[in-house]
């Protein structure tokens, strides 16, 4: 079974994407980048630590520490759509994540992007 950790933008997660519902709905429906999973569960949602993502490595270490006693660890990390679409620091952030986690890193999460806000 895949154990999915989603890393999103702190600002989007705090202020825009209420309860990260789009990522969670996409995961539950197996849509977007989650469509490849049959047997998977969400291990956690983690924000980047705020711009410019300097705290991502210690935050990933915290995930390991907090879940160690339960013997749970991510088997795949998804970079949320909020980072992929809007983060000016995404390349450095993704590089840090890939260099640190030792598991596959998937760039993307949900496919739900508003097309016509005022239509």
PDB file of N, CA and C in Angstrom:
ATOM      1  N   UNK A   1       0.836  -1.182   0.000  1.00  0.00           N
ATOM      2  CA  UNK A   1       0.000   0.000   0.000  1.00  0.00           C
ATOM      3  C   UNK A   1       0.881   1.245   0.000  1.00  0.00           C
ATOM      4  N   UNK A   2       0.522   2.199  -0.854  1.00  0.00           N
ATOM      5  CA  UNK A   2       1.237   3.474  -0.889  1.00  0.00           C
ATOM      6  C   UNK A   2       0.778   4.353   0.275  1.00  0.00           C
ATOM      7  N   UNK A   3       1.720   5.037   0.870  1.00  0.00           N
ATOM      8  CA  UNK A   3       1.450   6.003   1.938  1.00  0.00           C
ATOM      9  C   UNK A   3       1.834   7.366   1.378  1.00  0.00           C
ATOM     10  N   UNK A   4       0.854   8.204   1.125  1.00  0.00           N
ATOM     11  CA  UNK A   4       1.034   9.455   0.403  1.00  0.00           C
ATOM     12  C   UNK A   4       1.166  10.631   1.366  1.00  0.00           C
ATOM     13  N   UNK A   5       2.232  11.385   1.190  1.00  0.00           N
ATOM     14  CA  UNK A   5       2.417  12.657   1.884  1.00  0.00           C
ATOM     15  C   UNK A   5       2.268  13.750   0.847  1.00  0.00           C
ATOM     16  N   UNK A   6       1.387  14.703   1.107  1.00  0.00           N
ATOM     17  CA  UNK A   6       1.174  15.830   0.196  1.00  0.00           C
ATOM     18  C   UNK A   6       1.843  17.055   0.791  1.00  0.00           C
ATOM     19  N   UNK A   7       2.682  17.710  -0.009  1.00  0.00           N
ATOM     20  CA  UNK A   7       3.339  18.948   0.409  1.00  0.00           C
ATOM     21  C   UNK A   7       2.719  20.091  -0.381  1.00  0.00           C
ATOM     22  N   UNK A   8       2.149  21.054   0.352  1.00  0.00           N
ATOM     23  CA  UNK A   8       1.499  22.188  -0.287  1.00  0.00           C
ATOM     24  C   UNK A   8       2.092  23.507   0.150  1.00  0.00           C
ATOM     25  N   UNK A   9       1.598  24.555  -0.439  1.00  0.00           N
ATOM     26  CA  UNK A   9       2.013  25.926  -0.140  1.00  0.00           C
ATOM     27  C   UNK A   9       1.374  26.383   1.169  1.00  0.00           C
ATOM     28  N   UNK A  10       2.182  26.850   2.102  1.00  0.00           N
ATOM     29  CA  UNK A  10       1.659  27.290   3.391  1.00  0.00           C
ATOM     30  C   UNK A  10       0.605  28.371   3.221  1.00  0.00           C
ATOM     31  N   UNK A  11       0.895  29.337   2.388  1.00  0.00           N
ATOM     32  CA  UNK A  11      -0.043  30.453   2.223  1.00  0.00           C
ATOM     33  C   UNK A  11      -1.355  29.995   1.612  1.00  0.00           C
ATOM     34  N   UNK A  12      -1.288  29.131   0.630  1.00  0.00           N
ATOM     35  CA  UNK A  12      -2.521  28.625   0.023  1.00  0.00           C
ATOM     36  C   UNK A  12      -3.285  27.749   1.013  1.00  0.00           C
ATOM     37  N   UNK A  13      -2.561  26.888   1.723  1.00  0.00           N
ATOM     38  CA  UNK A  13      -3.224  25.990   2.671  1.00  0.00           C
ATOM     39  C   UNK A  13      -3.872  26.765   3.816  1.00  0.00           C
ATOM     40  N   UNK A  14      -3.250  27.845   4.254  1.00  0.00           N
ATOM     41  CA  UNK A  14      -3.783  28.630   5.369  1.00  0.00           C
ATOM     42  C   UNK A  14      -4.907  29.563   4.947  1.00  0.00           C
ATOM     43  N   UNK A  15      -4.808  30.137   3.747  1.00  0.00           N
ATOM     44  CA  UNK A  15      -5.702  31.237   3.389  1.00  0.00           C
ATOM     45  C   UNK A  15      -6.664  30.974   2.242  1.00  0.00           C
ATOM     46  N   UNK A  16      -6.359  30.042   1.372  1.00  0.00           N
ATOM     47  CA  UNK A  16      -7.152  29.893   0.157  1.00  0.00           C
ATOM     48  C   UNK A  16      -7.848  28.547   0.078  1.00  0.00           C
ATOM     49  N   UNK A  17      -7.088  27.489   0.195  1.00  0.00           N
ATOM     50  CA  UNK A  17      -7.606  26.140  -0.050  1.00  0.00           C
ATOM     51  C   UNK A  17      -8.133  25.568   1.270  1.00  0.00           C
ATOM     52  N   UNK A  18      -9.349  25.885   1.586  1.00  0.00           N
ATOM     53  CA  UNK A  18      -9.926  25.520   2.866  1.00  0.00           C
ATOM     54  C   UNK A  18      -9.866  24.009   3.062  1.00  0.00           C
ATOM     55  N   UNK A  19      -9.154  23.607   4.116  1.00  0.00           N
ATOM     56  CA  UNK A  19      -9.000  22.203   4.504  1.00  0.00           C
ATOM     57  C   UNK A  19      -8.374  21.352   3.404  1.00  0.00           C
ATOM     58  N   UNK A  20      -7.710  21.992   2.456  1.00  0.00           N
ATOM     59  CA  UNK A  20      -7.074  21.259   1.344  1.00  0.00           C
ATOM     60  C   UNK A  20      -8.056  20.297   0.690  1.00  0.00           C
ATOM     61  N   UNK A  21      -9.297  20.696   0.601  1.00  0.00           N
ATOM     62  CA  UNK A  21     -10.338  19.791   0.128  1.00  0.00           C
ATOM     63  C   UNK A  21     -10.120  19.330  -1.305  1.00  0.00           C
ATOM     64  N   UNK A  22      -9.549  20.164  -2.165  1.00  0.00           N
ATOM     65  CA  UNK A  22      -9.368  19.738  -3.551  1.00  0.00           C
ATOM     66  C   UNK A  22      -8.376  18.579  -3.646  1.00  0.00           C
ATOM     67  N   UNK A  23      -7.282  18.637  -2.897  1.00  0.00           N
ATOM     68  CA  UNK A  23      -6.331  17.516  -2.896  1.00  0.00           C
ATOM     69  C   UNK A  23      -6.991  16.260  -2.333  1.00  0.00           C
ATOM     70  N   UNK A  24      -7.730  16.419  -1.249  1.00  0.00           N
ATOM     71  CA  UNK A  24      -8.349  15.258  -0.619  1.00  0.00           C
ATOM     72  C   UNK A  24      -9.454  14.655  -1.479  1.00  0.00           C
ATOM     73  N   UNK A  25     -10.251  15.493  -2.100  1.00  0.00           N
ATOM     74  CA  UNK A  25     -11.298  14.985  -2.999  1.00  0.00           C
ATOM     75  C   UNK A  25     -10.660  14.260  -4.178  1.00  0.00           C
ATOM     76  N   UNK A  26      -9.630  14.844  -4.768  1.00  0.00           N
ATOM     77  CA  UNK A  26      -8.951  14.190  -5.891  1.00  0.00           C
ATOM     78  C   UNK A  26      -8.367  12.851  -5.466  1.00  0.00           C
ATOM     79  N   UNK A  27      -7.787  12.803  -4.279  1.00  0.00           N
ATOM     80  CA  UNK A  27      -7.242  11.537  -3.790  1.00  0.00           C
ATOM     81  C   UNK A  27      -8.362  10.504  -3.629  1.00  0.00           C
ATOM     82  N   UNK A  28      -9.435  10.886  -2.969  1.00  0.00           N
ATOM     83  CA  UNK A  28     -10.546   9.952  -2.739  1.00  0.00           C
ATOM     84  C   UNK A  28     -11.172   9.467  -4.041  1.00  0.00           C
ATOM     85  N   UNK A  29     -11.227  10.349  -5.035  1.00  0.00           N
ATOM     86  CA  UNK A  29     -11.804   9.979  -6.336  1.00  0.00           C
ATOM     87  C   UNK A  29     -10.765   9.356  -7.272  1.00  0.00           C
ATOM     88  N   UNK A  30      -9.508   9.391  -6.856  1.00  0.00           N
ATOM     89  CA  UNK A  30      -8.384   8.914  -7.678  1.00  0.00           C
ATOM     90  C   UNK A  30      -8.345   9.664  -9.011  1.00  0.00           C
ATOM     91  N   UNK A  31      -8.389  10.981  -8.911  1.00  0.00           N
ATOM     92  CA  UNK A  31      -8.305  11.853 -10.086  1.00  0.00           C
ATOM     93  C   UNK A  31      -6.994  12.618 -10.076  1.00  0.00           C
ATOM     94  N   UNK A  32      -6.673  13.212 -11.196  1.00  0.00           N
ATOM     95  CA  UNK A  32      -5.426  13.959 -11.304  1.00  0.00           C
ATOM     96  C   UNK A  32      -4.234  13.027 -11.151  1.00  0.00           C
ATOM     97  N   UNK A  33      -3.228  13.489 -10.451  1.00  0.00           N
ATOM     98  CA  UNK A  33      -2.014  12.692 -10.258  1.00  0.00           C
ATOM     99  C   UNK A  33      -2.229  11.498  -9.328  1.00  0.00           C
ATOM    100  N   UNK A  34      -3.390  11.424  -8.699  1.00  0.00           N
ATOM    101  CA  UNK A  34      -3.692  10.294  -7.821  1.00  0.00           C
ATOM    102  C   UNK A  34      -4.357   9.137  -8.576  1.00  0.00           C
ATOM    103  N   UNK A  35      -4.594   9.311  -9.860  1.00  0.00           N
ATOM    104  CA  UNK A  35      -5.331   8.298 -10.631  1.00  0.00           C
ATOM    105  C   UNK A  35      -4.586   6.969 -10.739  1.00  0.00           C
ATOM    106  N   UNK A  36      -3.296   6.968 -10.509  1.00  0.00           N
ATOM    107  CA  UNK A  36      -2.515   5.734 -10.666  1.00  0.00           C
ATOM    108  C   UNK A  36      -2.589   4.803  -9.458  1.00  0.00           C
ATOM    109  N   UNK A  37      -3.201   5.258  -8.372  1.00  0.00           N
ATOM    110  CA  UNK A  37      -3.223   4.451  -7.156  1.00  0.00           C
ATOM    111  C   UNK A  37      -4.495   3.620  -7.051  1.00  0.00           C
ATOM    112  N   UNK A  38      -4.309   2.359  -6.687  1.00  0.00           N
ATOM    113  CA  UNK A  38      -5.440   1.509  -6.343  1.00  0.00           C
ATOM    114  C   UNK A  38      -5.488   1.327  -4.838  1.00  0.00           C
ATOM    115  N   UNK A  39      -4.337   1.033  -4.261  1.00  0.00           N
ATOM    116  CA  UNK A  39      -4.242   0.768  -2.833  1.00  0.00           C
ATOM    117  C   UNK A  39      -3.328   1.819  -2.204  1.00  0.00           C
ATOM    118  N   UNK A  40      -3.928   2.869  -1.667  1.00  0.00           N
ATOM    119  CA  UNK A  40      -3.146   3.971  -1.110  1.00  0.00           C
ATOM    120  C   UNK A  40      -3.950   4.672  -0.030  1.00  0.00           C
ATOM    121  N   UNK A  41      -3.224   5.345   0.844  1.00  0.00           N
ATOM    122  CA  UNK A  41      -3.866   6.174   1.856  1.00  0.00           C
ATOM    123  C   UNK A  41      -3.023   7.420   2.071  1.00  0.00           C
ATOM    124  N   UNK A  42      -3.679   8.459   2.556  1.00  0.00           N
ATOM    125  CA  UNK A  42      -2.985   9.705   2.869  1.00  0.00           C
ATOM    126  C   UNK A  42      -2.305   9.535   4.220  1.00  0.00           C
ATOM    127  N   UNK A  43      -1.010   9.741   4.246  1.00  0.00           N
ATOM    128  CA  UNK A  43      -0.274   9.726   5.509  1.00  0.00           C
ATOM    129  C   UNK A  43      -0.316  11.111   6.149  1.00  0.00           C
ATOM    130  N   UNK A  44      -0.296  12.147   5.317  1.00  0.00           N
ATOM    131  CA  UNK A  44      -0.357  13.481   5.882  1.00  0.00           C
ATOM    132  C   UNK A  44      -0.352  14.573   4.840  1.00  0.00           C
ATOM    133  N   UNK A  45      -0.684  15.771   5.317  1.00  0.00           N
ATOM    134  CA  UNK A  45      -0.591  16.998   4.542  1.00  0.00           C
ATOM    135  C   UNK A  45       0.417  17.882   5.253  1.00  0.00           C
ATOM    136  N   UNK A  46       1.385  18.377   4.528  1.00  0.00           N
ATOM    137  CA  UNK A  46       2.456  19.169   5.108  1.00  0.00           C
ATOM    138  C   UNK A  46       2.604  20.434   4.295  1.00  0.00           C
ATOM    139  N   UNK A  47       2.727  21.575   4.973  1.00  0.00           N
ATOM    140  CA  UNK A  47       3.007  22.775   4.198  1.00  0.00           C
ATOM    141  C   UNK A  47       4.508  22.984   4.104  1.00  0.00           C
ATOM    142  N   UNK A  48       4.907  23.829   3.191  1.00  0.00           N
ATOM    143  CA  UNK A  48       6.322  24.041   2.881  1.00  0.00           C
ATOM    144  C   UNK A  48       7.077  24.802   3.967  1.00  0.00           C
ATOM    145  N   UNK A  49       6.348  25.412   4.889  1.00  0.00           N
ATOM    146  CA  UNK A  49       6.988  26.202   5.936  1.00  0.00           C
ATOM    147  C   UNK A  49       7.023  27.682   5.630  1.00  0.00           C
ATOM    148  N   UNK A  50       6.465  28.093   4.510  1.00  0.00           N
ATOM    149  CA  UNK A  50       6.385  29.475   4.033  1.00  0.00           C
ATOM    150  C   UNK A  50       7.566  29.809   3.128  1.00  0.00           C
ATOM    151  N   UNK A  51       7.404  30.867   2.380  1.00  0.00           N
ATOM    152  CA  UNK A  51       8.410  31.295   1.402  1.00  0.00           C
ATOM    153  C   UNK A  51       9.723  31.643   2.096  1.00  0.00           C
ATOM    154  N   UNK A  52      10.813  31.234   1.516  1.00  0.00           N
ATOM    155  CA  UNK A  52      11.014  30.561   0.227  1.00  0.00           C
ATOM    156  C   UNK A  52      11.138  29.049   0.348  1.00  0.00           C
ATOM    157  N   UNK A  53      10.549  28.450   1.349  1.00  0.00           N
ATOM    158  CA  UNK A  53      10.615  26.997   1.524  1.00  0.00           C
ATOM    159  C   UNK A  53      11.863  26.539   2.253  1.00  0.00           C
ATOM    160  N   UNK A  54      12.501  27.438   2.966  1.00  0.00           N
ATOM    161  CA  UNK A  54      13.753  27.112   3.659  1.00  0.00           C
ATOM    162  C   UNK A  54      13.559  26.067   4.757  1.00  0.00           C
ATOM    163  N   UNK A  55      12.339  25.940   5.276  1.00  0.00           N
ATOM    164  CA  UNK A  55      12.087  25.026   6.395  1.00  0.00           C
ATOM    165  C   UNK A  55      11.607  23.646   5.947  1.00  0.00           C
ATOM    166  N   UNK A  56      11.582  23.373   4.651  1.00  0.00           N
ATOM    167  CA  UNK A  56      10.995  22.113   4.195  1.00  0.00           C
ATOM    168  C   UNK A  56      11.761  20.896   4.705  1.00  0.00           C
ATOM    169  N   UNK A  57      13.077  20.930   4.728  1.00  0.00           N
ATOM    170  CA  UNK A  57      13.836  19.759   5.174  1.00  0.00           C
ATOM    171  C   UNK A  57      13.578  19.447   6.651  1.00  0.00           C
ATOM    172  N   UNK A  58      13.654  20.427   7.562  1.00  0.00           N
ATOM    173  CA  UNK A  58      13.304  20.115   8.951  1.00  0.00           C
ATOM    174  C   UNK A  58      11.847  19.668   9.118  1.00  0.00           C
ATOM    175  N   UNK A  59      10.952  20.197   8.315  1.00  0.00           N
ATOM    176  CA  UNK A  59       9.548  19.785   8.407  1.00  0.00           C
ATOM    177  C   UNK A  59       9.383  18.330   7.968  1.00  0.00           C
ATOM    178  N   UNK A  60      10.111  17.929   6.928  1.00  0.00           N
ATOM    179  CA  UNK A  60      10.074  16.522   6.512  1.00  0.00           C
ATOM    180  C   UNK A  60      10.648  15.622   7.597  1.00  0.00           C
ATOM    181  N   UNK A  61      11.692  16.093   8.259  1.00  0.00           N
ATOM    182  CA  UNK A  61      12.271  15.322   9.371  1.00  0.00           C
ATOM    183  C   UNK A  61      11.270  15.186  10.505  1.00  0.00           C
ATOM    184  N   UNK A  62      10.464  16.223  10.737  1.00  0.00           N
ATOM    185  CA  UNK A  62       9.429  16.148  11.764  1.00  0.00           C
ATOM    186  C   UNK A  62       8.387  15.088  11.418  1.00  0.00           C
ATOM    187  N   UNK A  63       8.037  14.972  10.156  1.00  0.00           N
ATOM    188  CA  UNK A  63       7.087  13.939   9.738  1.00  0.00           C
ATOM    189  C   UNK A  63       7.642  12.569  10.115  1.00  0.00           C
ATOM    190  N   UNK A  64       8.915  12.361   9.829  1.00  0.00           N
ATOM    191  CA  UNK A  64       9.546  11.080  10.180  1.00  0.00           C
ATOM    192  C   UNK A  64       9.525  10.855  11.689  1.00  0.00           C
ATOM    193  N   UNK A  65       9.901  11.865  12.446  1.00  0.00           N
ATOM    194  CA  UNK A  65       9.950  11.757  13.902  1.00  0.00           C
ATOM    195  C   UNK A  65       8.573  11.502  14.500  1.00  0.00           C
ATOM    196  N   UNK A  66       7.585  12.283  14.095  1.00  0.00           N
ATOM    197  CA  UNK A  66       6.250  12.168  14.669  1.00  0.00           C
ATOM    198  C   UNK A  66       5.570  10.852  14.335  1.00  0.00           C
ATOM    199  N   UNK A  67       5.951  10.225  13.231  1.00  0.00           N
ATOM    200  CA  UNK A  67       5.307   8.978  12.817  1.00  0.00           C
ATOM    201  C   UNK A  67       6.120   7.737  13.155  1.00  0.00           C
ATOM    202  N   UNK A  68       7.343   7.901  13.648  1.00  0.00           N
ATOM    203  CA  UNK A  68       8.232   6.764  13.905  1.00  0.00           C
ATOM    204  C   UNK A  68       7.636   5.773  14.905  1.00  0.00           C
ATOM    205  N   UNK A  69       7.043   6.251  15.973  1.00  0.00           N
ATOM    206  CA  UNK A  69       6.505   5.337  16.988  1.00  0.00           C
ATOM    207  C   UNK A  69       5.330   4.526  16.458  1.00  0.00           C
ATOM    208  N   UNK A  70       4.709   4.988  15.381  1.00  0.00           N
ATOM    209  CA  UNK A  70       3.616   4.246  14.756  1.00  0.00           C
ATOM    210  C   UNK A  70       4.114   3.385  13.603  1.00  0.00           C
ATOM    211  N   UNK A  71       5.418   3.482  13.339  1.00  0.00           N
ATOM    212  CA  UNK A  71       6.041   2.767  12.232  1.00  0.00           C
ATOM    213  C   UNK A  71       5.378   3.097  10.903  1.00  0.00           C
ATOM    214  N   UNK A  72       5.101   4.377  10.717  1.00  0.00           N
ATOM    215  CA  UNK A  72       4.505   4.879   9.479  1.00  0.00           C
ATOM    216  C   UNK A  72       5.486   5.837   8.817  1.00  0.00           C
ATOM    217  N   UNK A  73       5.631   5.707   7.503  1.00  0.00           N
ATOM    218  CA  UNK A  73       6.437   6.662   6.754  1.00  0.00           C
ATOM    219  C   UNK A  73       5.902   6.733   5.332  1.00  0.00           C
ATOM    220  N   UNK A  74       6.065   7.886   4.708  1.00  0.00           N
ATOM    221  CA  UNK A  74       5.566   8.014   3.338  1.00  0.00           C
ATOM    222  C   UNK A  74       6.349   7.119   2.376  1.00  0.00           C
ATOM    223  N   UNK A  75       5.627   6.612   1.390  1.00  0.00           N
ATOM    224  CA  UNK A  75       6.277   5.869   0.311  1.00  0.00           C
ATOM    225  C   UNK A  75       6.324   6.693  -0.962  1.00  0.00           C
ATOM    226  N   UNK A  76       5.572   7.801  -0.972  1.00  0.00           N
ATOM    227  CA  UNK A  76       5.571   8.724  -2.104  1.00  0.00           C
ATOM    228  C   UNK A  76       5.176  10.110  -1.590  1.00  0.00           C
ATOM    229  N   UNK A  77       5.784  11.134  -2.174  1.00  0.00           N
ATOM    230  CA  UNK A  77       5.470  12.522  -1.818  1.00  0.00           C
ATOM    231  C   UNK A  77       4.891  13.197  -3.050  1.00  0.00           C
ATOM    232  N   UNK A  78       3.745  13.844  -2.864  1.00  0.00           N
ATOM    233  CA  UNK A  78       3.128  14.624  -3.946  1.00  0.00           C
ATOM    234  C   UNK A  78       3.327  16.104  -3.669  1.00  0.00           C
ATOM    235  N   UNK A  79       3.774  16.821  -4.677  1.00  0.00           N
ATOM    236  CA  UNK A  79       3.862  18.273  -4.608  1.00  0.00           C
ATOM    237  C   UNK A  79       2.512  18.797  -5.076  1.00  0.00           C
ATOM    238  N   UNK A  80       1.805  19.481  -4.204  1.00  0.00           N
ATOM    239  CA  UNK A  80       0.432  19.904  -4.481  1.00  0.00           C
ATOM    240  C   UNK A  80       0.362  20.903  -5.635  1.00  0.00           C
ATOM    241  N   UNK A  81      -0.795  20.934  -6.241  1.00  0.00           N
ATOM    242  CA  UNK A  81      -1.058  21.821  -7.364  1.00  0.00           C
ATOM    243  C   UNK A  81      -0.797  23.281  -7.011  1.00  0.00           C
ATOM    244  N   UNK A  82      -1.056  23.672  -5.764  1.00  0.00           N
ATOM    245  CA  UNK A  82      -0.830  25.075  -5.372  1.00  0.00           C
ATOM    246  C   UNK A  82       0.638  25.467  -5.536  1.00  0.00           C
ATOM    247  N   UNK A  83       1.537  24.553  -5.265  1.00  0.00           N
ATOM    248  CA  UNK A  83       2.966  24.828  -5.481  1.00  0.00           C
ATOM    249  C   UNK A  83       3.281  24.766  -6.963  1.00  0.00           C
ATOM    250  N   UNK A  84       2.802  23.743  -7.630  1.00  0.00           N
ATOM    251  CA  UNK A  84       3.118  23.565  -9.049  1.00  0.00           C
ATOM    252  C   UNK A  84       2.647  24.742  -9.899  1.00  0.00           C
ATOM    253  N   UNK A  85       1.497  25.304  -9.570  1.00  0.00           N
ATOM    254  CA  UNK A  85       0.918  26.372 -10.395  1.00  0.00           C
ATOM    255  C   UNK A  85       1.362  27.775 -10.010  1.00  0.00           C
ATOM    256  N   UNK A  86       1.745  27.987  -8.748  1.00  0.00           N
ATOM    257  CA  UNK A  86       1.915  29.370  -8.301  1.00  0.00           C
ATOM    258  C   UNK A  86       3.210  29.700  -7.577  1.00  0.00           C
ATOM    259  N   UNK A  87       4.000  28.742  -7.194  1.00  0.00           N
ATOM    260  CA  UNK A  87       5.153  29.017  -6.335  1.00  0.00           C
ATOM    261  C   UNK A  87       6.370  29.470  -7.146  1.00  0.00           C
ATOM    262  N   UNK A  88       6.879  30.665  -6.862  1.00  0.00           N
ATOM    263  CA  UNK A  88       8.089  31.121  -7.557  1.00  0.00           C
ATOM    264  C   UNK A  88       9.346  30.378  -7.088  1.00  0.00           C
ATOM    265  N   UNK A  89       9.238  29.636  -5.994  1.00  0.00           N
ATOM    266  CA  UNK A  89      10.376  28.904  -5.425  1.00  0.00           C
ATOM    267  C   UNK A  89      10.283  27.400  -5.680  1.00  0.00           C
ATOM    268  N   UNK A  90       9.347  26.977  -6.524  1.00  0.00           N
ATOM    269  CA  UNK A  90       9.051  25.550  -6.663  1.00  0.00           C
ATOM    270  C   UNK A  90      10.251  24.723  -7.103  1.00  0.00           C
ATOM    271  N   UNK A  91      11.079  25.225  -7.991  1.00  0.00           N
ATOM    272  CA  UNK A  91      12.201  24.418  -8.474  1.00  0.00           C
ATOM    273  C   UNK A  91      13.184  24.097  -7.348  1.00  0.00           C
ATOM    274  N   UNK A  92      13.513  25.095  -6.539  1.00  0.00           N
ATOM    275  CA  UNK A  92      14.417  24.875  -5.407  1.00  0.00           C
ATOM    276  C   UNK A  92      13.739  23.987  -4.363  1.00  0.00           C
ATOM    277  N   UNK A  93      12.487  24.252  -4.098  1.00  0.00           N
ATOM    278  CA  UNK A  93      11.728  23.471  -3.117  1.00  0.00           C
ATOM    279  C   UNK A  93      11.658  21.996  -3.528  1.00  0.00           C
ATOM    280  N   UNK A  94      11.314  21.732  -4.767  1.00  0.00           N
ATOM    281  CA  UNK A  94      11.216  20.357  -5.245  1.00  0.00           C
ATOM    282  C   UNK A  94      12.583  19.685  -5.219  1.00  0.00           C
ATOM    283  N   UNK A  95      13.621  20.419  -5.569  1.00  0.00           N
ATOM    284  CA  UNK A  95      14.987  19.855  -5.512  1.00  0.00           C
ATOM    285  C   UNK A  95      15.356  19.439  -4.099  1.00  0.00           C
ATOM    286  N   UNK A  96      15.025  20.282  -3.127  1.00  0.00           N
ATOM    287  CA  UNK A  96      15.305  19.948  -1.724  1.00  0.00           C
ATOM    288  C   UNK A  96      14.534  18.705  -1.291  1.00  0.00           C
ATOM    289  N   UNK A  97      13.286  18.631  -1.689  1.00  0.00           N
ATOM    290  CA  UNK A  97      12.461  17.485  -1.315  1.00  0.00           C
ATOM    291  C   UNK A  97      13.019  16.213  -1.941  1.00  0.00           C
ATOM    292  N   UNK A  98      13.325  16.255  -3.232  1.00  0.00           N
ATOM    293  CA  UNK A  98      13.854  15.072  -3.921  1.00  0.00           C
ATOM    294  C   UNK A  98      15.184  14.625  -3.325  1.00  0.00           C
ATOM    295  N   UNK A  99      16.012  15.577  -2.907  1.00  0.00           N
ATOM    296  CA  UNK A  99      17.320  15.238  -2.339  1.00  0.00           C
ATOM    297  C   UNK A  99      17.209  14.680  -0.930  1.00  0.00           C
ATOM    298  N   UNK A 100      16.063  14.846  -0.296  1.00  0.00           N
ATOM    299  CA  UNK A 100      15.912  14.506   1.112  1.00  0.00           C
ATOM    300  C   UNK A 100      15.109  13.245   1.381  1.00  0.00           C
ATOM    301  N   UNK A 101      14.037  13.017   0.653  1.00  0.00           N
ATOM    302  CA  UNK A 101      13.059  12.019   1.084  1.00  0.00           C
ATOM    303  C   UNK A 101      13.403  10.564   0.774  1.00  0.00           C
ATOM    304  N   UNK A 102      14.102  10.302  -0.290  1.00  0.00           N
ATOM    305  CA  UNK A 102      14.449   8.921  -0.602  1.00  0.00           C
ATOM    306  C   UNK A 102      13.296   8.074  -1.101  1.00  0.00           C
ATOM    307  N   UNK A 103      12.203   8.710  -1.489  1.00  0.00           N
ATOM    308  CA  UNK A 103      11.061   8.029  -2.096  1.00  0.00           C
ATOM    309  C   UNK A 103      10.665   8.822  -3.338  1.00  0.00           C
ATOM    310  N   UNK A 104       9.836   8.253  -4.203  1.00  0.00           N
ATOM    311  CA  UNK A 104       9.418   9.001  -5.393  1.00  0.00           C
ATOM    312  C   UNK A 104       8.702  10.301  -5.026  1.00  0.00           C
ATOM    313  N   UNK A 105       8.940  11.325  -5.849  1.00  0.00           N
ATOM    314  CA  UNK A 105       8.283  12.619  -5.691  1.00  0.00           C
ATOM    315  C   UNK A 105       7.484  12.878  -6.961  1.00  0.00           C
ATOM    316  N   UNK A 106       6.181  13.068  -6.802  1.00  0.00           N
ATOM    317  CA  UNK A 106       5.279  13.302  -7.924  1.00  0.00           C
ATOM    318  C   UNK A 106       4.914  14.779  -7.937  1.00  0.00           C
ATOM    319  N   UNK A 107       5.089  15.407  -9.072  1.00  0.00           N
ATOM    320  CA  UNK A 107       4.790  16.831  -9.192  1.00  0.00           C
ATOM    321  C   UNK A 107       3.346  17.011  -9.641  1.00  0.00           C
ATOM    322  N   UNK A 108       2.491  17.300  -8.679  1.00  0.00           N
ATOM    323  CA  UNK A 108       1.083  17.537  -8.954  1.00  0.00           C
ATOM    324  C   UNK A 108       0.182  16.762  -8.012  1.00  0.00           C
ATOM    325  N   UNK A 109      -1.063  17.216  -7.946  1.00  0.00           N
ATOM    326  CA  UNK A 109      -2.065  16.547  -7.126  1.00  0.00           C
ATOM    327  C   UNK A 109      -3.414  16.584  -7.840  1.00  0.00           C
ATOM    328  N   UNK A 110      -4.213  17.613  -7.611  1.00  0.00           N
ATOM    329  CA  UNK A 110      -5.571  17.646  -8.171  1.00  0.00           C
ATOM    330  C   UNK A 110      -5.619  18.367  -9.520  1.00  0.00           C
ATOM    331  N   UNK A 111      -6.672  18.076 -10.300  1.00  0.00           N
ATOM    332  CA  UNK A 111      -6.851  18.737 -11.593  1.00  0.00           C
ATOM    333  C   UNK A 111      -7.847  19.892 -11.557  1.00  0.00           C
ATOM    334  N   UNK A 112      -8.264  20.299 -10.381  1.00  0.00           N
ATOM    335  CA  UNK A 112      -9.371  21.259 -10.267  1.00  0.00           C
ATOM    336  C   UNK A 112      -8.839  22.690 -10.257  1.00  0.00           C
ATOM    337  N   UNK A 113      -8.837  23.299 -11.412  1.00  0.00           N
ATOM    338  CA  UNK A 113      -8.382  24.680 -11.550  1.00  0.00           C
ATOM    339  C   UNK A 113      -9.550  25.500 -12.072  1.00  0.00           C
ATOM    340  N   UNK A 114      -9.894  26.587 -11.386  1.00  0.00           N
ATOM    341  CA  UNK A 114     -11.010  27.406 -11.883  1.00  0.00           C
ATOM    342  C   UNK A 114     -10.667  28.030 -13.231  1.00  0.00           C
ATOM    343  N   UNK A 115     -11.578  27.892 -14.185  1.00  0.00           N
ATOM    344  CA  UNK A 115     -11.338  28.412 -15.528  1.00  0.00           C
ATOM    345  C   UNK A 115     -11.867  29.826 -15.686  1.00  0.00           C
ATOM    346  N   UNK A 116     -13.089  30.049 -15.259  1.00  0.00           N
ATOM    347  CA  UNK A 116     -13.739  31.346 -15.454  1.00  0.00           C
ATOM    348  C   UNK A 116     -14.324  31.803 -14.124  1.00  0.00           C
ATOM    349  N   UNK A 117     -13.539  32.524 -13.374  1.00  0.00           N
ATOM    350  CA  UNK A 117     -13.954  32.928 -12.025  1.00  0.00           C
ATOM    351  C   UNK A 117     -15.247  33.743 -12.052  1.00  0.00           C
ATOM    352  N   UNK A 118     -15.407  34.625 -13.019  1.00  0.00           N
ATOM    353  CA  UNK A 118     -16.570  35.493 -13.043  1.00  0.00           C
ATOM    354  C   UNK A 118     -17.633  35.063 -14.041  1.00  0.00           C
ATOM    355  N   UNK A 119     -17.514  33.891 -14.609  1.00  0.00           N
ATOM    356  CA  UNK A 119     -18.502  33.446 -15.601  1.00  0.00           C
ATOM    357  C   UNK A 119     -19.707  32.875 -14.924  1.00  0.00           C
TER     358      UNK A 119
END
